[in-house]
């Protein structure tokens, strides 16, 4: 489990500054998060831009919603 330190602290006998990302076991990571000393860092997810290469022909048609007429 990756934890980002919110402040300087000792983890497994090693000193870490605020902002460092530390690999710790799950039980220690949950303890640090619950004490407010760290926050969980997700694995890097690649962000893909789905609009690249989209043309008007391949895009879905625009649906306009009309109000009901009385």
PDB file of N, CA and C in Angstrom:
ATOM      1  N   UNK A   1       0.860  -1.166   0.000  1.00  0.00           N
ATOM      2  CA  UNK A   1       0.000   0.000   0.000  1.00  0.00           C
ATOM      3  C   UNK A   1       0.905   1.227   0.000  1.00  0.00           C
ATOM      4  N   UNK A   2       0.625   2.172  -0.892  1.00  0.00           N
ATOM      5  CA  UNK A   2       1.399   3.401  -0.973  1.00  0.00           C
ATOM      6  C   UNK A   2       0.706   4.492  -0.170  1.00  0.00           C
ATOM      7  N   UNK A   3       1.478   5.157   0.687  1.00  0.00           N
ATOM      8  CA  UNK A   3       0.965   6.217   1.543  1.00  0.00           C
ATOM      9  C   UNK A   3       1.785   7.477   1.286  1.00  0.00           C
ATOM     10  N   UNK A   4       1.113   8.624   1.147  1.00  0.00           N
ATOM     11  CA  UNK A   4       1.784   9.913   1.043  1.00  0.00           C
ATOM     12  C   UNK A   4       1.782  10.543   2.429  1.00  0.00           C
ATOM     13  N   UNK A   5       2.965  10.867   2.945  1.00  0.00           N
ATOM     14  CA  UNK A   5       3.101  11.428   4.293  1.00  0.00           C
ATOM     15  C   UNK A   5       2.585  12.861   4.321  1.00  0.00           C
ATOM     16  N   UNK A   6       1.755  13.173   5.313  1.00  0.00           N
ATOM     17  CA  UNK A   6       1.269  14.534   5.493  1.00  0.00           C
ATOM     18  C   UNK A   6       2.233  15.374   6.311  1.00  0.00           C
ATOM     19  N   UNK A   7       3.074  14.694   7.092  1.00  0.00           N
ATOM     20  CA  UNK A   7       4.089  15.376   7.895  1.00  0.00           C
ATOM     21  C   UNK A   7       5.255  14.424   8.108  1.00  0.00           C
ATOM     22  N   UNK A   8       6.349  14.957   8.644  1.00  0.00           N
ATOM     23  CA  UNK A   8       7.531  14.134   8.885  1.00  0.00           C
ATOM     24  C   UNK A   8       7.214  13.078   9.941  1.00  0.00           C
ATOM     25  N   UNK A   9       7.643  11.826   9.692  1.00  0.00           N
ATOM     26  CA  UNK A   9       7.353  10.737  10.632  1.00  0.00           C
ATOM     27  C   UNK A   9       8.307   9.581  10.405  1.00  0.00           C
ATOM     28  N   UNK A  10       8.315   8.664  11.361  1.00  0.00           N
ATOM     29  CA  UNK A  10       9.076   7.431  11.253  1.00  0.00           C
ATOM     30  C   UNK A  10       8.144   6.312  10.811  1.00  0.00           C
ATOM     31  N   UNK A  11       8.548   5.579   9.794  1.00  0.00           N
ATOM     32  CA  UNK A  11       7.782   4.423   9.331  1.00  0.00           C
ATOM     33  C   UNK A  11       8.763   3.276   9.187  1.00  0.00           C
ATOM     34  N   UNK A  12       8.508   2.194   9.922  1.00  0.00           N
ATOM     35  CA  UNK A  12       9.376   1.014   9.912  1.00  0.00           C
ATOM     36  C   UNK A  12      10.822   1.374  10.227  1.00  0.00           C
ATOM     37  N   UNK A  13      11.039   2.316  11.153  1.00  0.00           N
ATOM     38  CA  UNK A  13      12.377   2.686  11.585  1.00  0.00           C
ATOM     39  C   UNK A  13      13.118   3.621  10.657  1.00  0.00           C
ATOM     40  N   UNK A  14      12.454   4.141   9.630  1.00  0.00           N
ATOM     41  CA  UNK A  14      13.095   5.068   8.687  1.00  0.00           C
ATOM     42  C   UNK A  14      12.351   6.399   8.711  1.00  0.00           C
ATOM     43  N   UNK A  15      13.119   7.488   8.623  1.00  0.00           N
ATOM     44  CA  UNK A  15      12.540   8.829   8.647  1.00  0.00           C
ATOM     45  C   UNK A  15      12.056   9.213   7.250  1.00  0.00           C
ATOM     46  N   UNK A  16      10.845   9.781   7.188  1.00  0.00           N
ATOM     47  CA  UNK A  16      10.279  10.254   5.929  1.00  0.00           C
ATOM     48  C   UNK A  16       9.744  11.660   6.135  1.00  0.00           C
ATOM     49  N   UNK A  17      10.002  12.530   5.168  1.00  0.00           N
ATOM     50  CA  UNK A  17       9.530  13.918   5.222  1.00  0.00           C
ATOM     51  C   UNK A  17       8.110  14.007   4.671  1.00  0.00           C
ATOM     52  N   UNK A  18       7.475  15.153   4.910  1.00  0.00           N
ATOM     53  CA  UNK A  18       6.131  15.397   4.388  1.00  0.00           C
ATOM     54  C   UNK A  18       6.181  15.393   2.864  1.00  0.00           C
ATOM     55  N   UNK A  19       5.221  14.731   2.253  1.00  0.00           N
ATOM     56  CA  UNK A  19       5.158  14.645   0.801  1.00  0.00           C
ATOM     57  C   UNK A  19       5.811  13.407   0.218  1.00  0.00           C
ATOM     58  N   UNK A  20       6.580  12.667   1.032  1.00  0.00           N
ATOM     59  CA  UNK A  20       7.200  11.429   0.547  1.00  0.00           C
ATOM     60  C   UNK A  20       6.142  10.350   0.370  1.00  0.00           C
ATOM     61  N   UNK A  21       6.339   9.494  -0.621  1.00  0.00           N
ATOM     62  CA  UNK A  21       5.448   8.360  -0.844  1.00  0.00           C
ATOM     63  C   UNK A  21       6.175   7.112  -0.356  1.00  0.00           C
ATOM     64  N   UNK A  22       5.514   6.383   0.563  1.00  0.00           N
ATOM     65  CA  UNK A  22       6.137   5.256   1.251  1.00  0.00           C
ATOM     66  C   UNK A  22       5.327   3.995   0.993  1.00  0.00           C
ATOM     67  N   UNK A  23       6.015   2.895   0.716  1.00  0.00           N
ATOM     68  CA  UNK A  23       5.377   1.579   0.559  1.00  0.00           C
ATOM     69  C   UNK A  23       5.335   0.922   1.930  1.00  0.00           C
ATOM     70  N   UNK A  24       4.139   0.655   2.445  1.00  0.00           N
ATOM     71  CA  UNK A  24       3.976   0.036   3.761  1.00  0.00           C
ATOM     72  C   UNK A  24       2.965  -1.101   3.658  1.00  0.00           C
ATOM     73  N   UNK A  25       2.980  -2.030   4.633  1.00  0.00           N
ATOM     74  CA  UNK A  25       1.940  -3.063   4.667  1.00  0.00           C
ATOM     75  C   UNK A  25       0.556  -2.431   4.879  1.00  0.00           C
ATOM     76  N   UNK A  26      -0.478  -3.149   4.503  1.00  0.00           N
ATOM     77  CA  UNK A  26      -1.837  -2.622   4.548  1.00  0.00           C
ATOM     78  C   UNK A  26      -2.244  -2.217   5.962  1.00  0.00           C
ATOM     79  N   UNK A  27      -1.920  -3.031   6.976  1.00  0.00           N
ATOM     80  CA  UNK A  27      -2.358  -2.709   8.332  1.00  0.00           C
ATOM     81  C   UNK A  27      -1.696  -1.429   8.850  1.00  0.00           C
ATOM     82  N   UNK A  28      -0.426  -1.216   8.547  1.00  0.00           N
ATOM     83  CA  UNK A  28       0.254   0.009   8.967  1.00  0.00           C
ATOM     84  C   UNK A  28      -0.280   1.200   8.175  1.00  0.00           C
ATOM     85  N   UNK A  29      -0.535   0.997   6.891  1.00  0.00           N
ATOM     86  CA  UNK A  29      -1.073   2.076   6.064  1.00  0.00           C
ATOM     87  C   UNK A  29      -2.424   2.545   6.556  1.00  0.00           C
ATOM     88  N   UNK A  30      -3.298   1.609   6.919  1.00  0.00           N
ATOM     89  CA  UNK A  30      -4.613   1.992   7.431  1.00  0.00           C
ATOM     90  C   UNK A  30      -4.495   2.729   8.759  1.00  0.00           C
ATOM     91  N   UNK A  31      -3.544   2.305   9.608  1.00  0.00           N
ATOM     92  CA  UNK A  31      -3.312   3.009  10.874  1.00  0.00           C
ATOM     93  C   UNK A  31      -2.875   4.451  10.630  1.00  0.00           C
ATOM     94  N   UNK A  32      -1.955   4.650   9.690  1.00  0.00           N
ATOM     95  CA  UNK A  32      -1.472   6.005   9.394  1.00  0.00           C
ATOM     96  C   UNK A  32      -2.583   6.891   8.838  1.00  0.00           C
ATOM     97  N   UNK A  33      -3.423   6.339   7.977  1.00  0.00           N
ATOM     98  CA  UNK A  33      -4.531   7.107   7.408  1.00  0.00           C
ATOM     99  C   UNK A  33      -5.540   7.457   8.495  1.00  0.00           C
ATOM    100  N   UNK A  34      -5.859   6.502   9.367  1.00  0.00           N
ATOM    101  CA  UNK A  34      -6.829   6.755  10.438  1.00  0.00           C
ATOM    102  C   UNK A  34      -6.313   7.766  11.452  1.00  0.00           C
ATOM    103  N   UNK A  35      -4.994   7.827  11.667  1.00  0.00           N
ATOM    104  CA  UNK A  35      -4.415   8.811  12.586  1.00  0.00           C
ATOM    105  C   UNK A  35      -4.256  10.179  11.936  1.00  0.00           C
ATOM    106  N   UNK A  36      -4.480  10.263  10.632  1.00  0.00           N
ATOM    107  CA  UNK A  36      -4.359  11.535   9.934  1.00  0.00           C
ATOM    108  C   UNK A  36      -2.936  11.896   9.550  1.00  0.00           C
ATOM    109  N   UNK A  37      -2.038  10.932   9.598  1.00  0.00           N
ATOM    110  CA  UNK A  37      -0.636  11.194   9.273  1.00  0.00           C
ATOM    111  C   UNK A  37      -0.322  10.954   7.802  1.00  0.00           C
ATOM    112  N   UNK A  38      -1.220  10.296   7.082  1.00  0.00           N
ATOM    113  CA  UNK A  38      -0.956   9.996   5.680  1.00  0.00           C
ATOM    114  C   UNK A  38      -2.238   9.837   4.909  1.00  0.00           C
ATOM    115  N   UNK A  39      -2.101   9.802   3.603  1.00  0.00           N
ATOM    116  CA  UNK A  39      -3.259   9.564   2.742  1.00  0.00           C
ATOM    117  C   UNK A  39      -2.875   8.541   1.683  1.00  0.00           C
ATOM    118  N   UNK A  40      -3.858   7.772   1.252  1.00  0.00           N
ATOM    119  CA  UNK A  40      -3.623   6.687   0.304  1.00  0.00           C
ATOM    120  C   UNK A  40      -3.339   7.275  -1.071  1.00  0.00           C
ATOM    121  N   UNK A  41      -2.323   6.733  -1.723  1.00  0.00           N
ATOM    122  CA  UNK A  41      -1.969   7.149  -3.077  1.00  0.00           C
ATOM    123  C   UNK A  41      -2.350   6.009  -4.009  1.00  0.00           C
ATOM    124  N   UNK A  42      -3.188   6.298  -4.965  1.00  0.00           N
ATOM    125  CA  UNK A  42      -3.590   5.288  -5.944  1.00  0.00           C
ATOM    126  C   UNK A  42      -2.466   5.091  -6.946  1.00  0.00           C
ATOM    127  N   UNK A  43      -2.422   3.928  -7.550  1.00  0.00           N
ATOM    128  CA  UNK A  43      -1.457   3.703  -8.603  1.00  0.00           C
ATOM    129  C   UNK A  43      -1.782   4.646  -9.754  1.00  0.00           C
ATOM    130  N   UNK A  44      -0.750   5.064 -10.453  1.00  0.00           N
ATOM    131  CA  UNK A  44      -0.952   6.037 -11.520  1.00  0.00           C
ATOM    132  C   UNK A  44      -1.836   5.445 -12.615  1.00  0.00           C
ATOM    133  N   UNK A  45      -2.921   6.121 -12.866  1.00  0.00           N
ATOM    134  CA  UNK A  45      -3.828   5.717 -13.924  1.00  0.00           C
ATOM    135  C   UNK A  45      -3.584   6.640 -15.105  1.00  0.00           C
ATOM    136  N   UNK A  46      -3.412   6.053 -16.265  1.00  0.00           N
ATOM    137  CA  UNK A  46      -3.175   6.887 -17.429  1.00  0.00           C
ATOM    138  C   UNK A  46      -4.494   7.482 -17.891  1.00  0.00           C
ATOM    139  N   UNK A  47      -4.470   8.758 -18.120  1.00  0.00           N
ATOM    140  CA  UNK A  47      -5.661   9.464 -18.579  1.00  0.00           C
ATOM    141  C   UNK A  47      -5.595   9.524 -20.095  1.00  0.00           C
ATOM    142  N   UNK A  48      -6.617   9.009 -20.722  1.00  0.00           N
ATOM    143  CA  UNK A  48      -6.653   9.038 -22.174  1.00  0.00           C
ATOM    144  C   UNK A  48      -7.698  10.034 -22.629  1.00  0.00           C
ATOM    145  N   UNK A  49      -7.349  10.776 -23.641  1.00  0.00           N
ATOM    146  CA  UNK A  49      -8.273  11.744 -24.205  1.00  0.00           C
ATOM    147  C   UNK A  49      -9.032  11.048 -25.323  1.00  0.00           C
ATOM    148  N   UNK A  50     -10.285  10.756 -25.063  1.00  0.00           N
ATOM    149  CA  UNK A  50     -11.077  10.004 -26.031  1.00  0.00           C
ATOM    150  C   UNK A  50     -11.519  10.866 -27.197  1.00  0.00           C
ATOM    151  N   UNK A  51     -11.374  12.183 -27.103  1.00  0.00           N
ATOM    152  CA  UNK A  51     -11.831  13.062 -28.166  1.00  0.00           C
ATOM    153  C   UNK A  51     -10.822  13.158 -29.310  1.00  0.00           C
ATOM    154  N   UNK A  52      -9.605  12.703 -29.090  1.00  0.00           N
ATOM    155  CA  UNK A  52      -8.595  12.775 -30.145  1.00  0.00           C
ATOM    156  C   UNK A  52      -8.993  11.825 -31.264  1.00  0.00           C
ATOM    157  N   UNK A  53      -8.992  12.333 -32.451  1.00  0.00           N
ATOM    158  CA  UNK A  53      -9.318  11.522 -33.607  1.00  0.00           C
ATOM    159  C   UNK A  53     -10.817  11.377 -33.862  1.00  0.00           C
ATOM    160  N   UNK A  54     -11.628  12.021 -33.069  1.00  0.00           N
ATOM    161  CA  UNK A  54     -13.073  11.933 -33.255  1.00  0.00           C
ATOM    162  C   UNK A  54     -13.493  12.889 -34.358  1.00  0.00           C
ATOM    163  N   UNK A  55     -14.223  12.375 -35.325  1.00  0.00           N
ATOM    164  CA  UNK A  55     -14.727  13.224 -36.407  1.00  0.00           C
ATOM    165  C   UNK A  55     -16.236  13.313 -36.299  1.00  0.00           C
ATOM    166  N   UNK A  56     -16.803  14.226 -37.047  1.00  0.00           N
ATOM    167  CA  UNK A  56     -18.256  14.382 -37.002  1.00  0.00           C
ATOM    168  C   UNK A  56     -18.971  13.162 -37.575  1.00  0.00           C
ATOM    169  N   UNK A  57     -18.325  12.462 -38.496  1.00  0.00           N
ATOM    170  CA  UNK A  57     -18.945  11.274 -39.080  1.00  0.00           C
ATOM    171  C   UNK A  57     -18.970  10.120 -38.078  1.00  0.00           C
ATOM    172  N   UNK A  58     -17.906   9.976 -37.288  1.00  0.00           N
ATOM    173  CA  UNK A  58     -17.846   8.855 -36.361  1.00  0.00           C
ATOM    174  C   UNK A  58     -18.522   9.156 -35.028  1.00  0.00           C
ATOM    175  N   UNK A  59     -18.850  10.407 -34.765  1.00  0.00           N
ATOM    176  CA  UNK A  59     -19.491  10.778 -33.504  1.00  0.00           C
ATOM    177  C   UNK A  59     -20.982  10.441 -33.560  1.00  0.00           C
ATOM    178  N   UNK A  60     -21.562  10.227 -32.395  1.00  0.00           N
ATOM    179  CA  UNK A  60     -22.997   9.963 -32.323  1.00  0.00           C
ATOM    180  C   UNK A  60     -23.760  11.235 -32.665  1.00  0.00           C
ATOM    181  N   UNK A  61     -24.948  11.054 -33.207  1.00  0.00           N
ATOM    182  CA  UNK A  61     -25.737  12.217 -33.582  1.00  0.00           C
ATOM    183  C   UNK A  61     -26.248  12.939 -32.334  1.00  0.00           C
ATOM    184  N   UNK A  62     -26.402  14.234 -32.448  1.00  0.00           N
ATOM    185  CA  UNK A  62     -26.856  15.060 -31.341  1.00  0.00           C
ATOM    186  C   UNK A  62     -28.359  14.908 -31.180  1.00  0.00           C
ATOM    187  N   UNK A  63     -28.797  14.629 -29.974  1.00  0.00           N
ATOM    188  CA  UNK A  63     -30.221  14.468 -29.694  1.00  0.00           C
ATOM    189  C   UNK A  63     -30.697  15.695 -28.946  1.00  0.00           C
ATOM    190  N   UNK A  64     -31.657  16.382 -29.546  1.00  0.00           N
ATOM    191  CA  UNK A  64     -32.226  17.562 -28.895  1.00  0.00           C
ATOM    192  C   UNK A  64     -33.516  17.140 -28.214  1.00  0.00           C
ATOM    193  N   UNK A  65     -33.689  17.574 -27.011  1.00  0.00           N
ATOM    194  CA  UNK A  65     -34.884  17.222 -26.259  1.00  0.00           C
ATOM    195  C   UNK A  65     -35.875  18.371 -26.336  1.00  0.00           C
ATOM    196  N   UNK A  66     -37.074  18.031 -26.733  1.00  0.00           N
ATOM    197  CA  UNK A  66     -38.117  19.028 -26.868  1.00  0.00           C
ATOM    198  C   UNK A  66     -39.063  18.961 -25.680  1.00  0.00           C
ATOM    199  N   UNK A  67     -39.671  20.085 -25.377  1.00  0.00           N
ATOM    200  CA  UNK A  67     -40.668  20.095 -24.318  1.00  0.00           C
ATOM    201  C   UNK A  67     -41.999  19.660 -24.917  1.00  0.00           C
ATOM    202  N   UNK A  68     -42.843  19.079 -24.086  1.00  0.00           N
ATOM    203  CA  UNK A  68     -44.152  18.652 -24.579  1.00  0.00           C
ATOM    204  C   UNK A  68     -45.034  19.864 -24.796  1.00  0.00           C
ATOM    205  N   UNK A  69     -45.677  19.893 -25.941  1.00  0.00           N
ATOM    206  CA  UNK A  69     -46.590  20.989 -26.239  1.00  0.00           C
ATOM    207  C   UNK A  69     -47.984  20.603 -25.813  1.00  0.00           C
ATOM    208  N   UNK A  70     -48.680  21.535 -25.223  1.00  0.00           N
ATOM    209  CA  UNK A  70     -50.031  21.266 -24.718  1.00  0.00           C
ATOM    210  C   UNK A  70     -51.073  21.437 -25.775  1.00  0.00           C
TER     211      UNK A  70
END
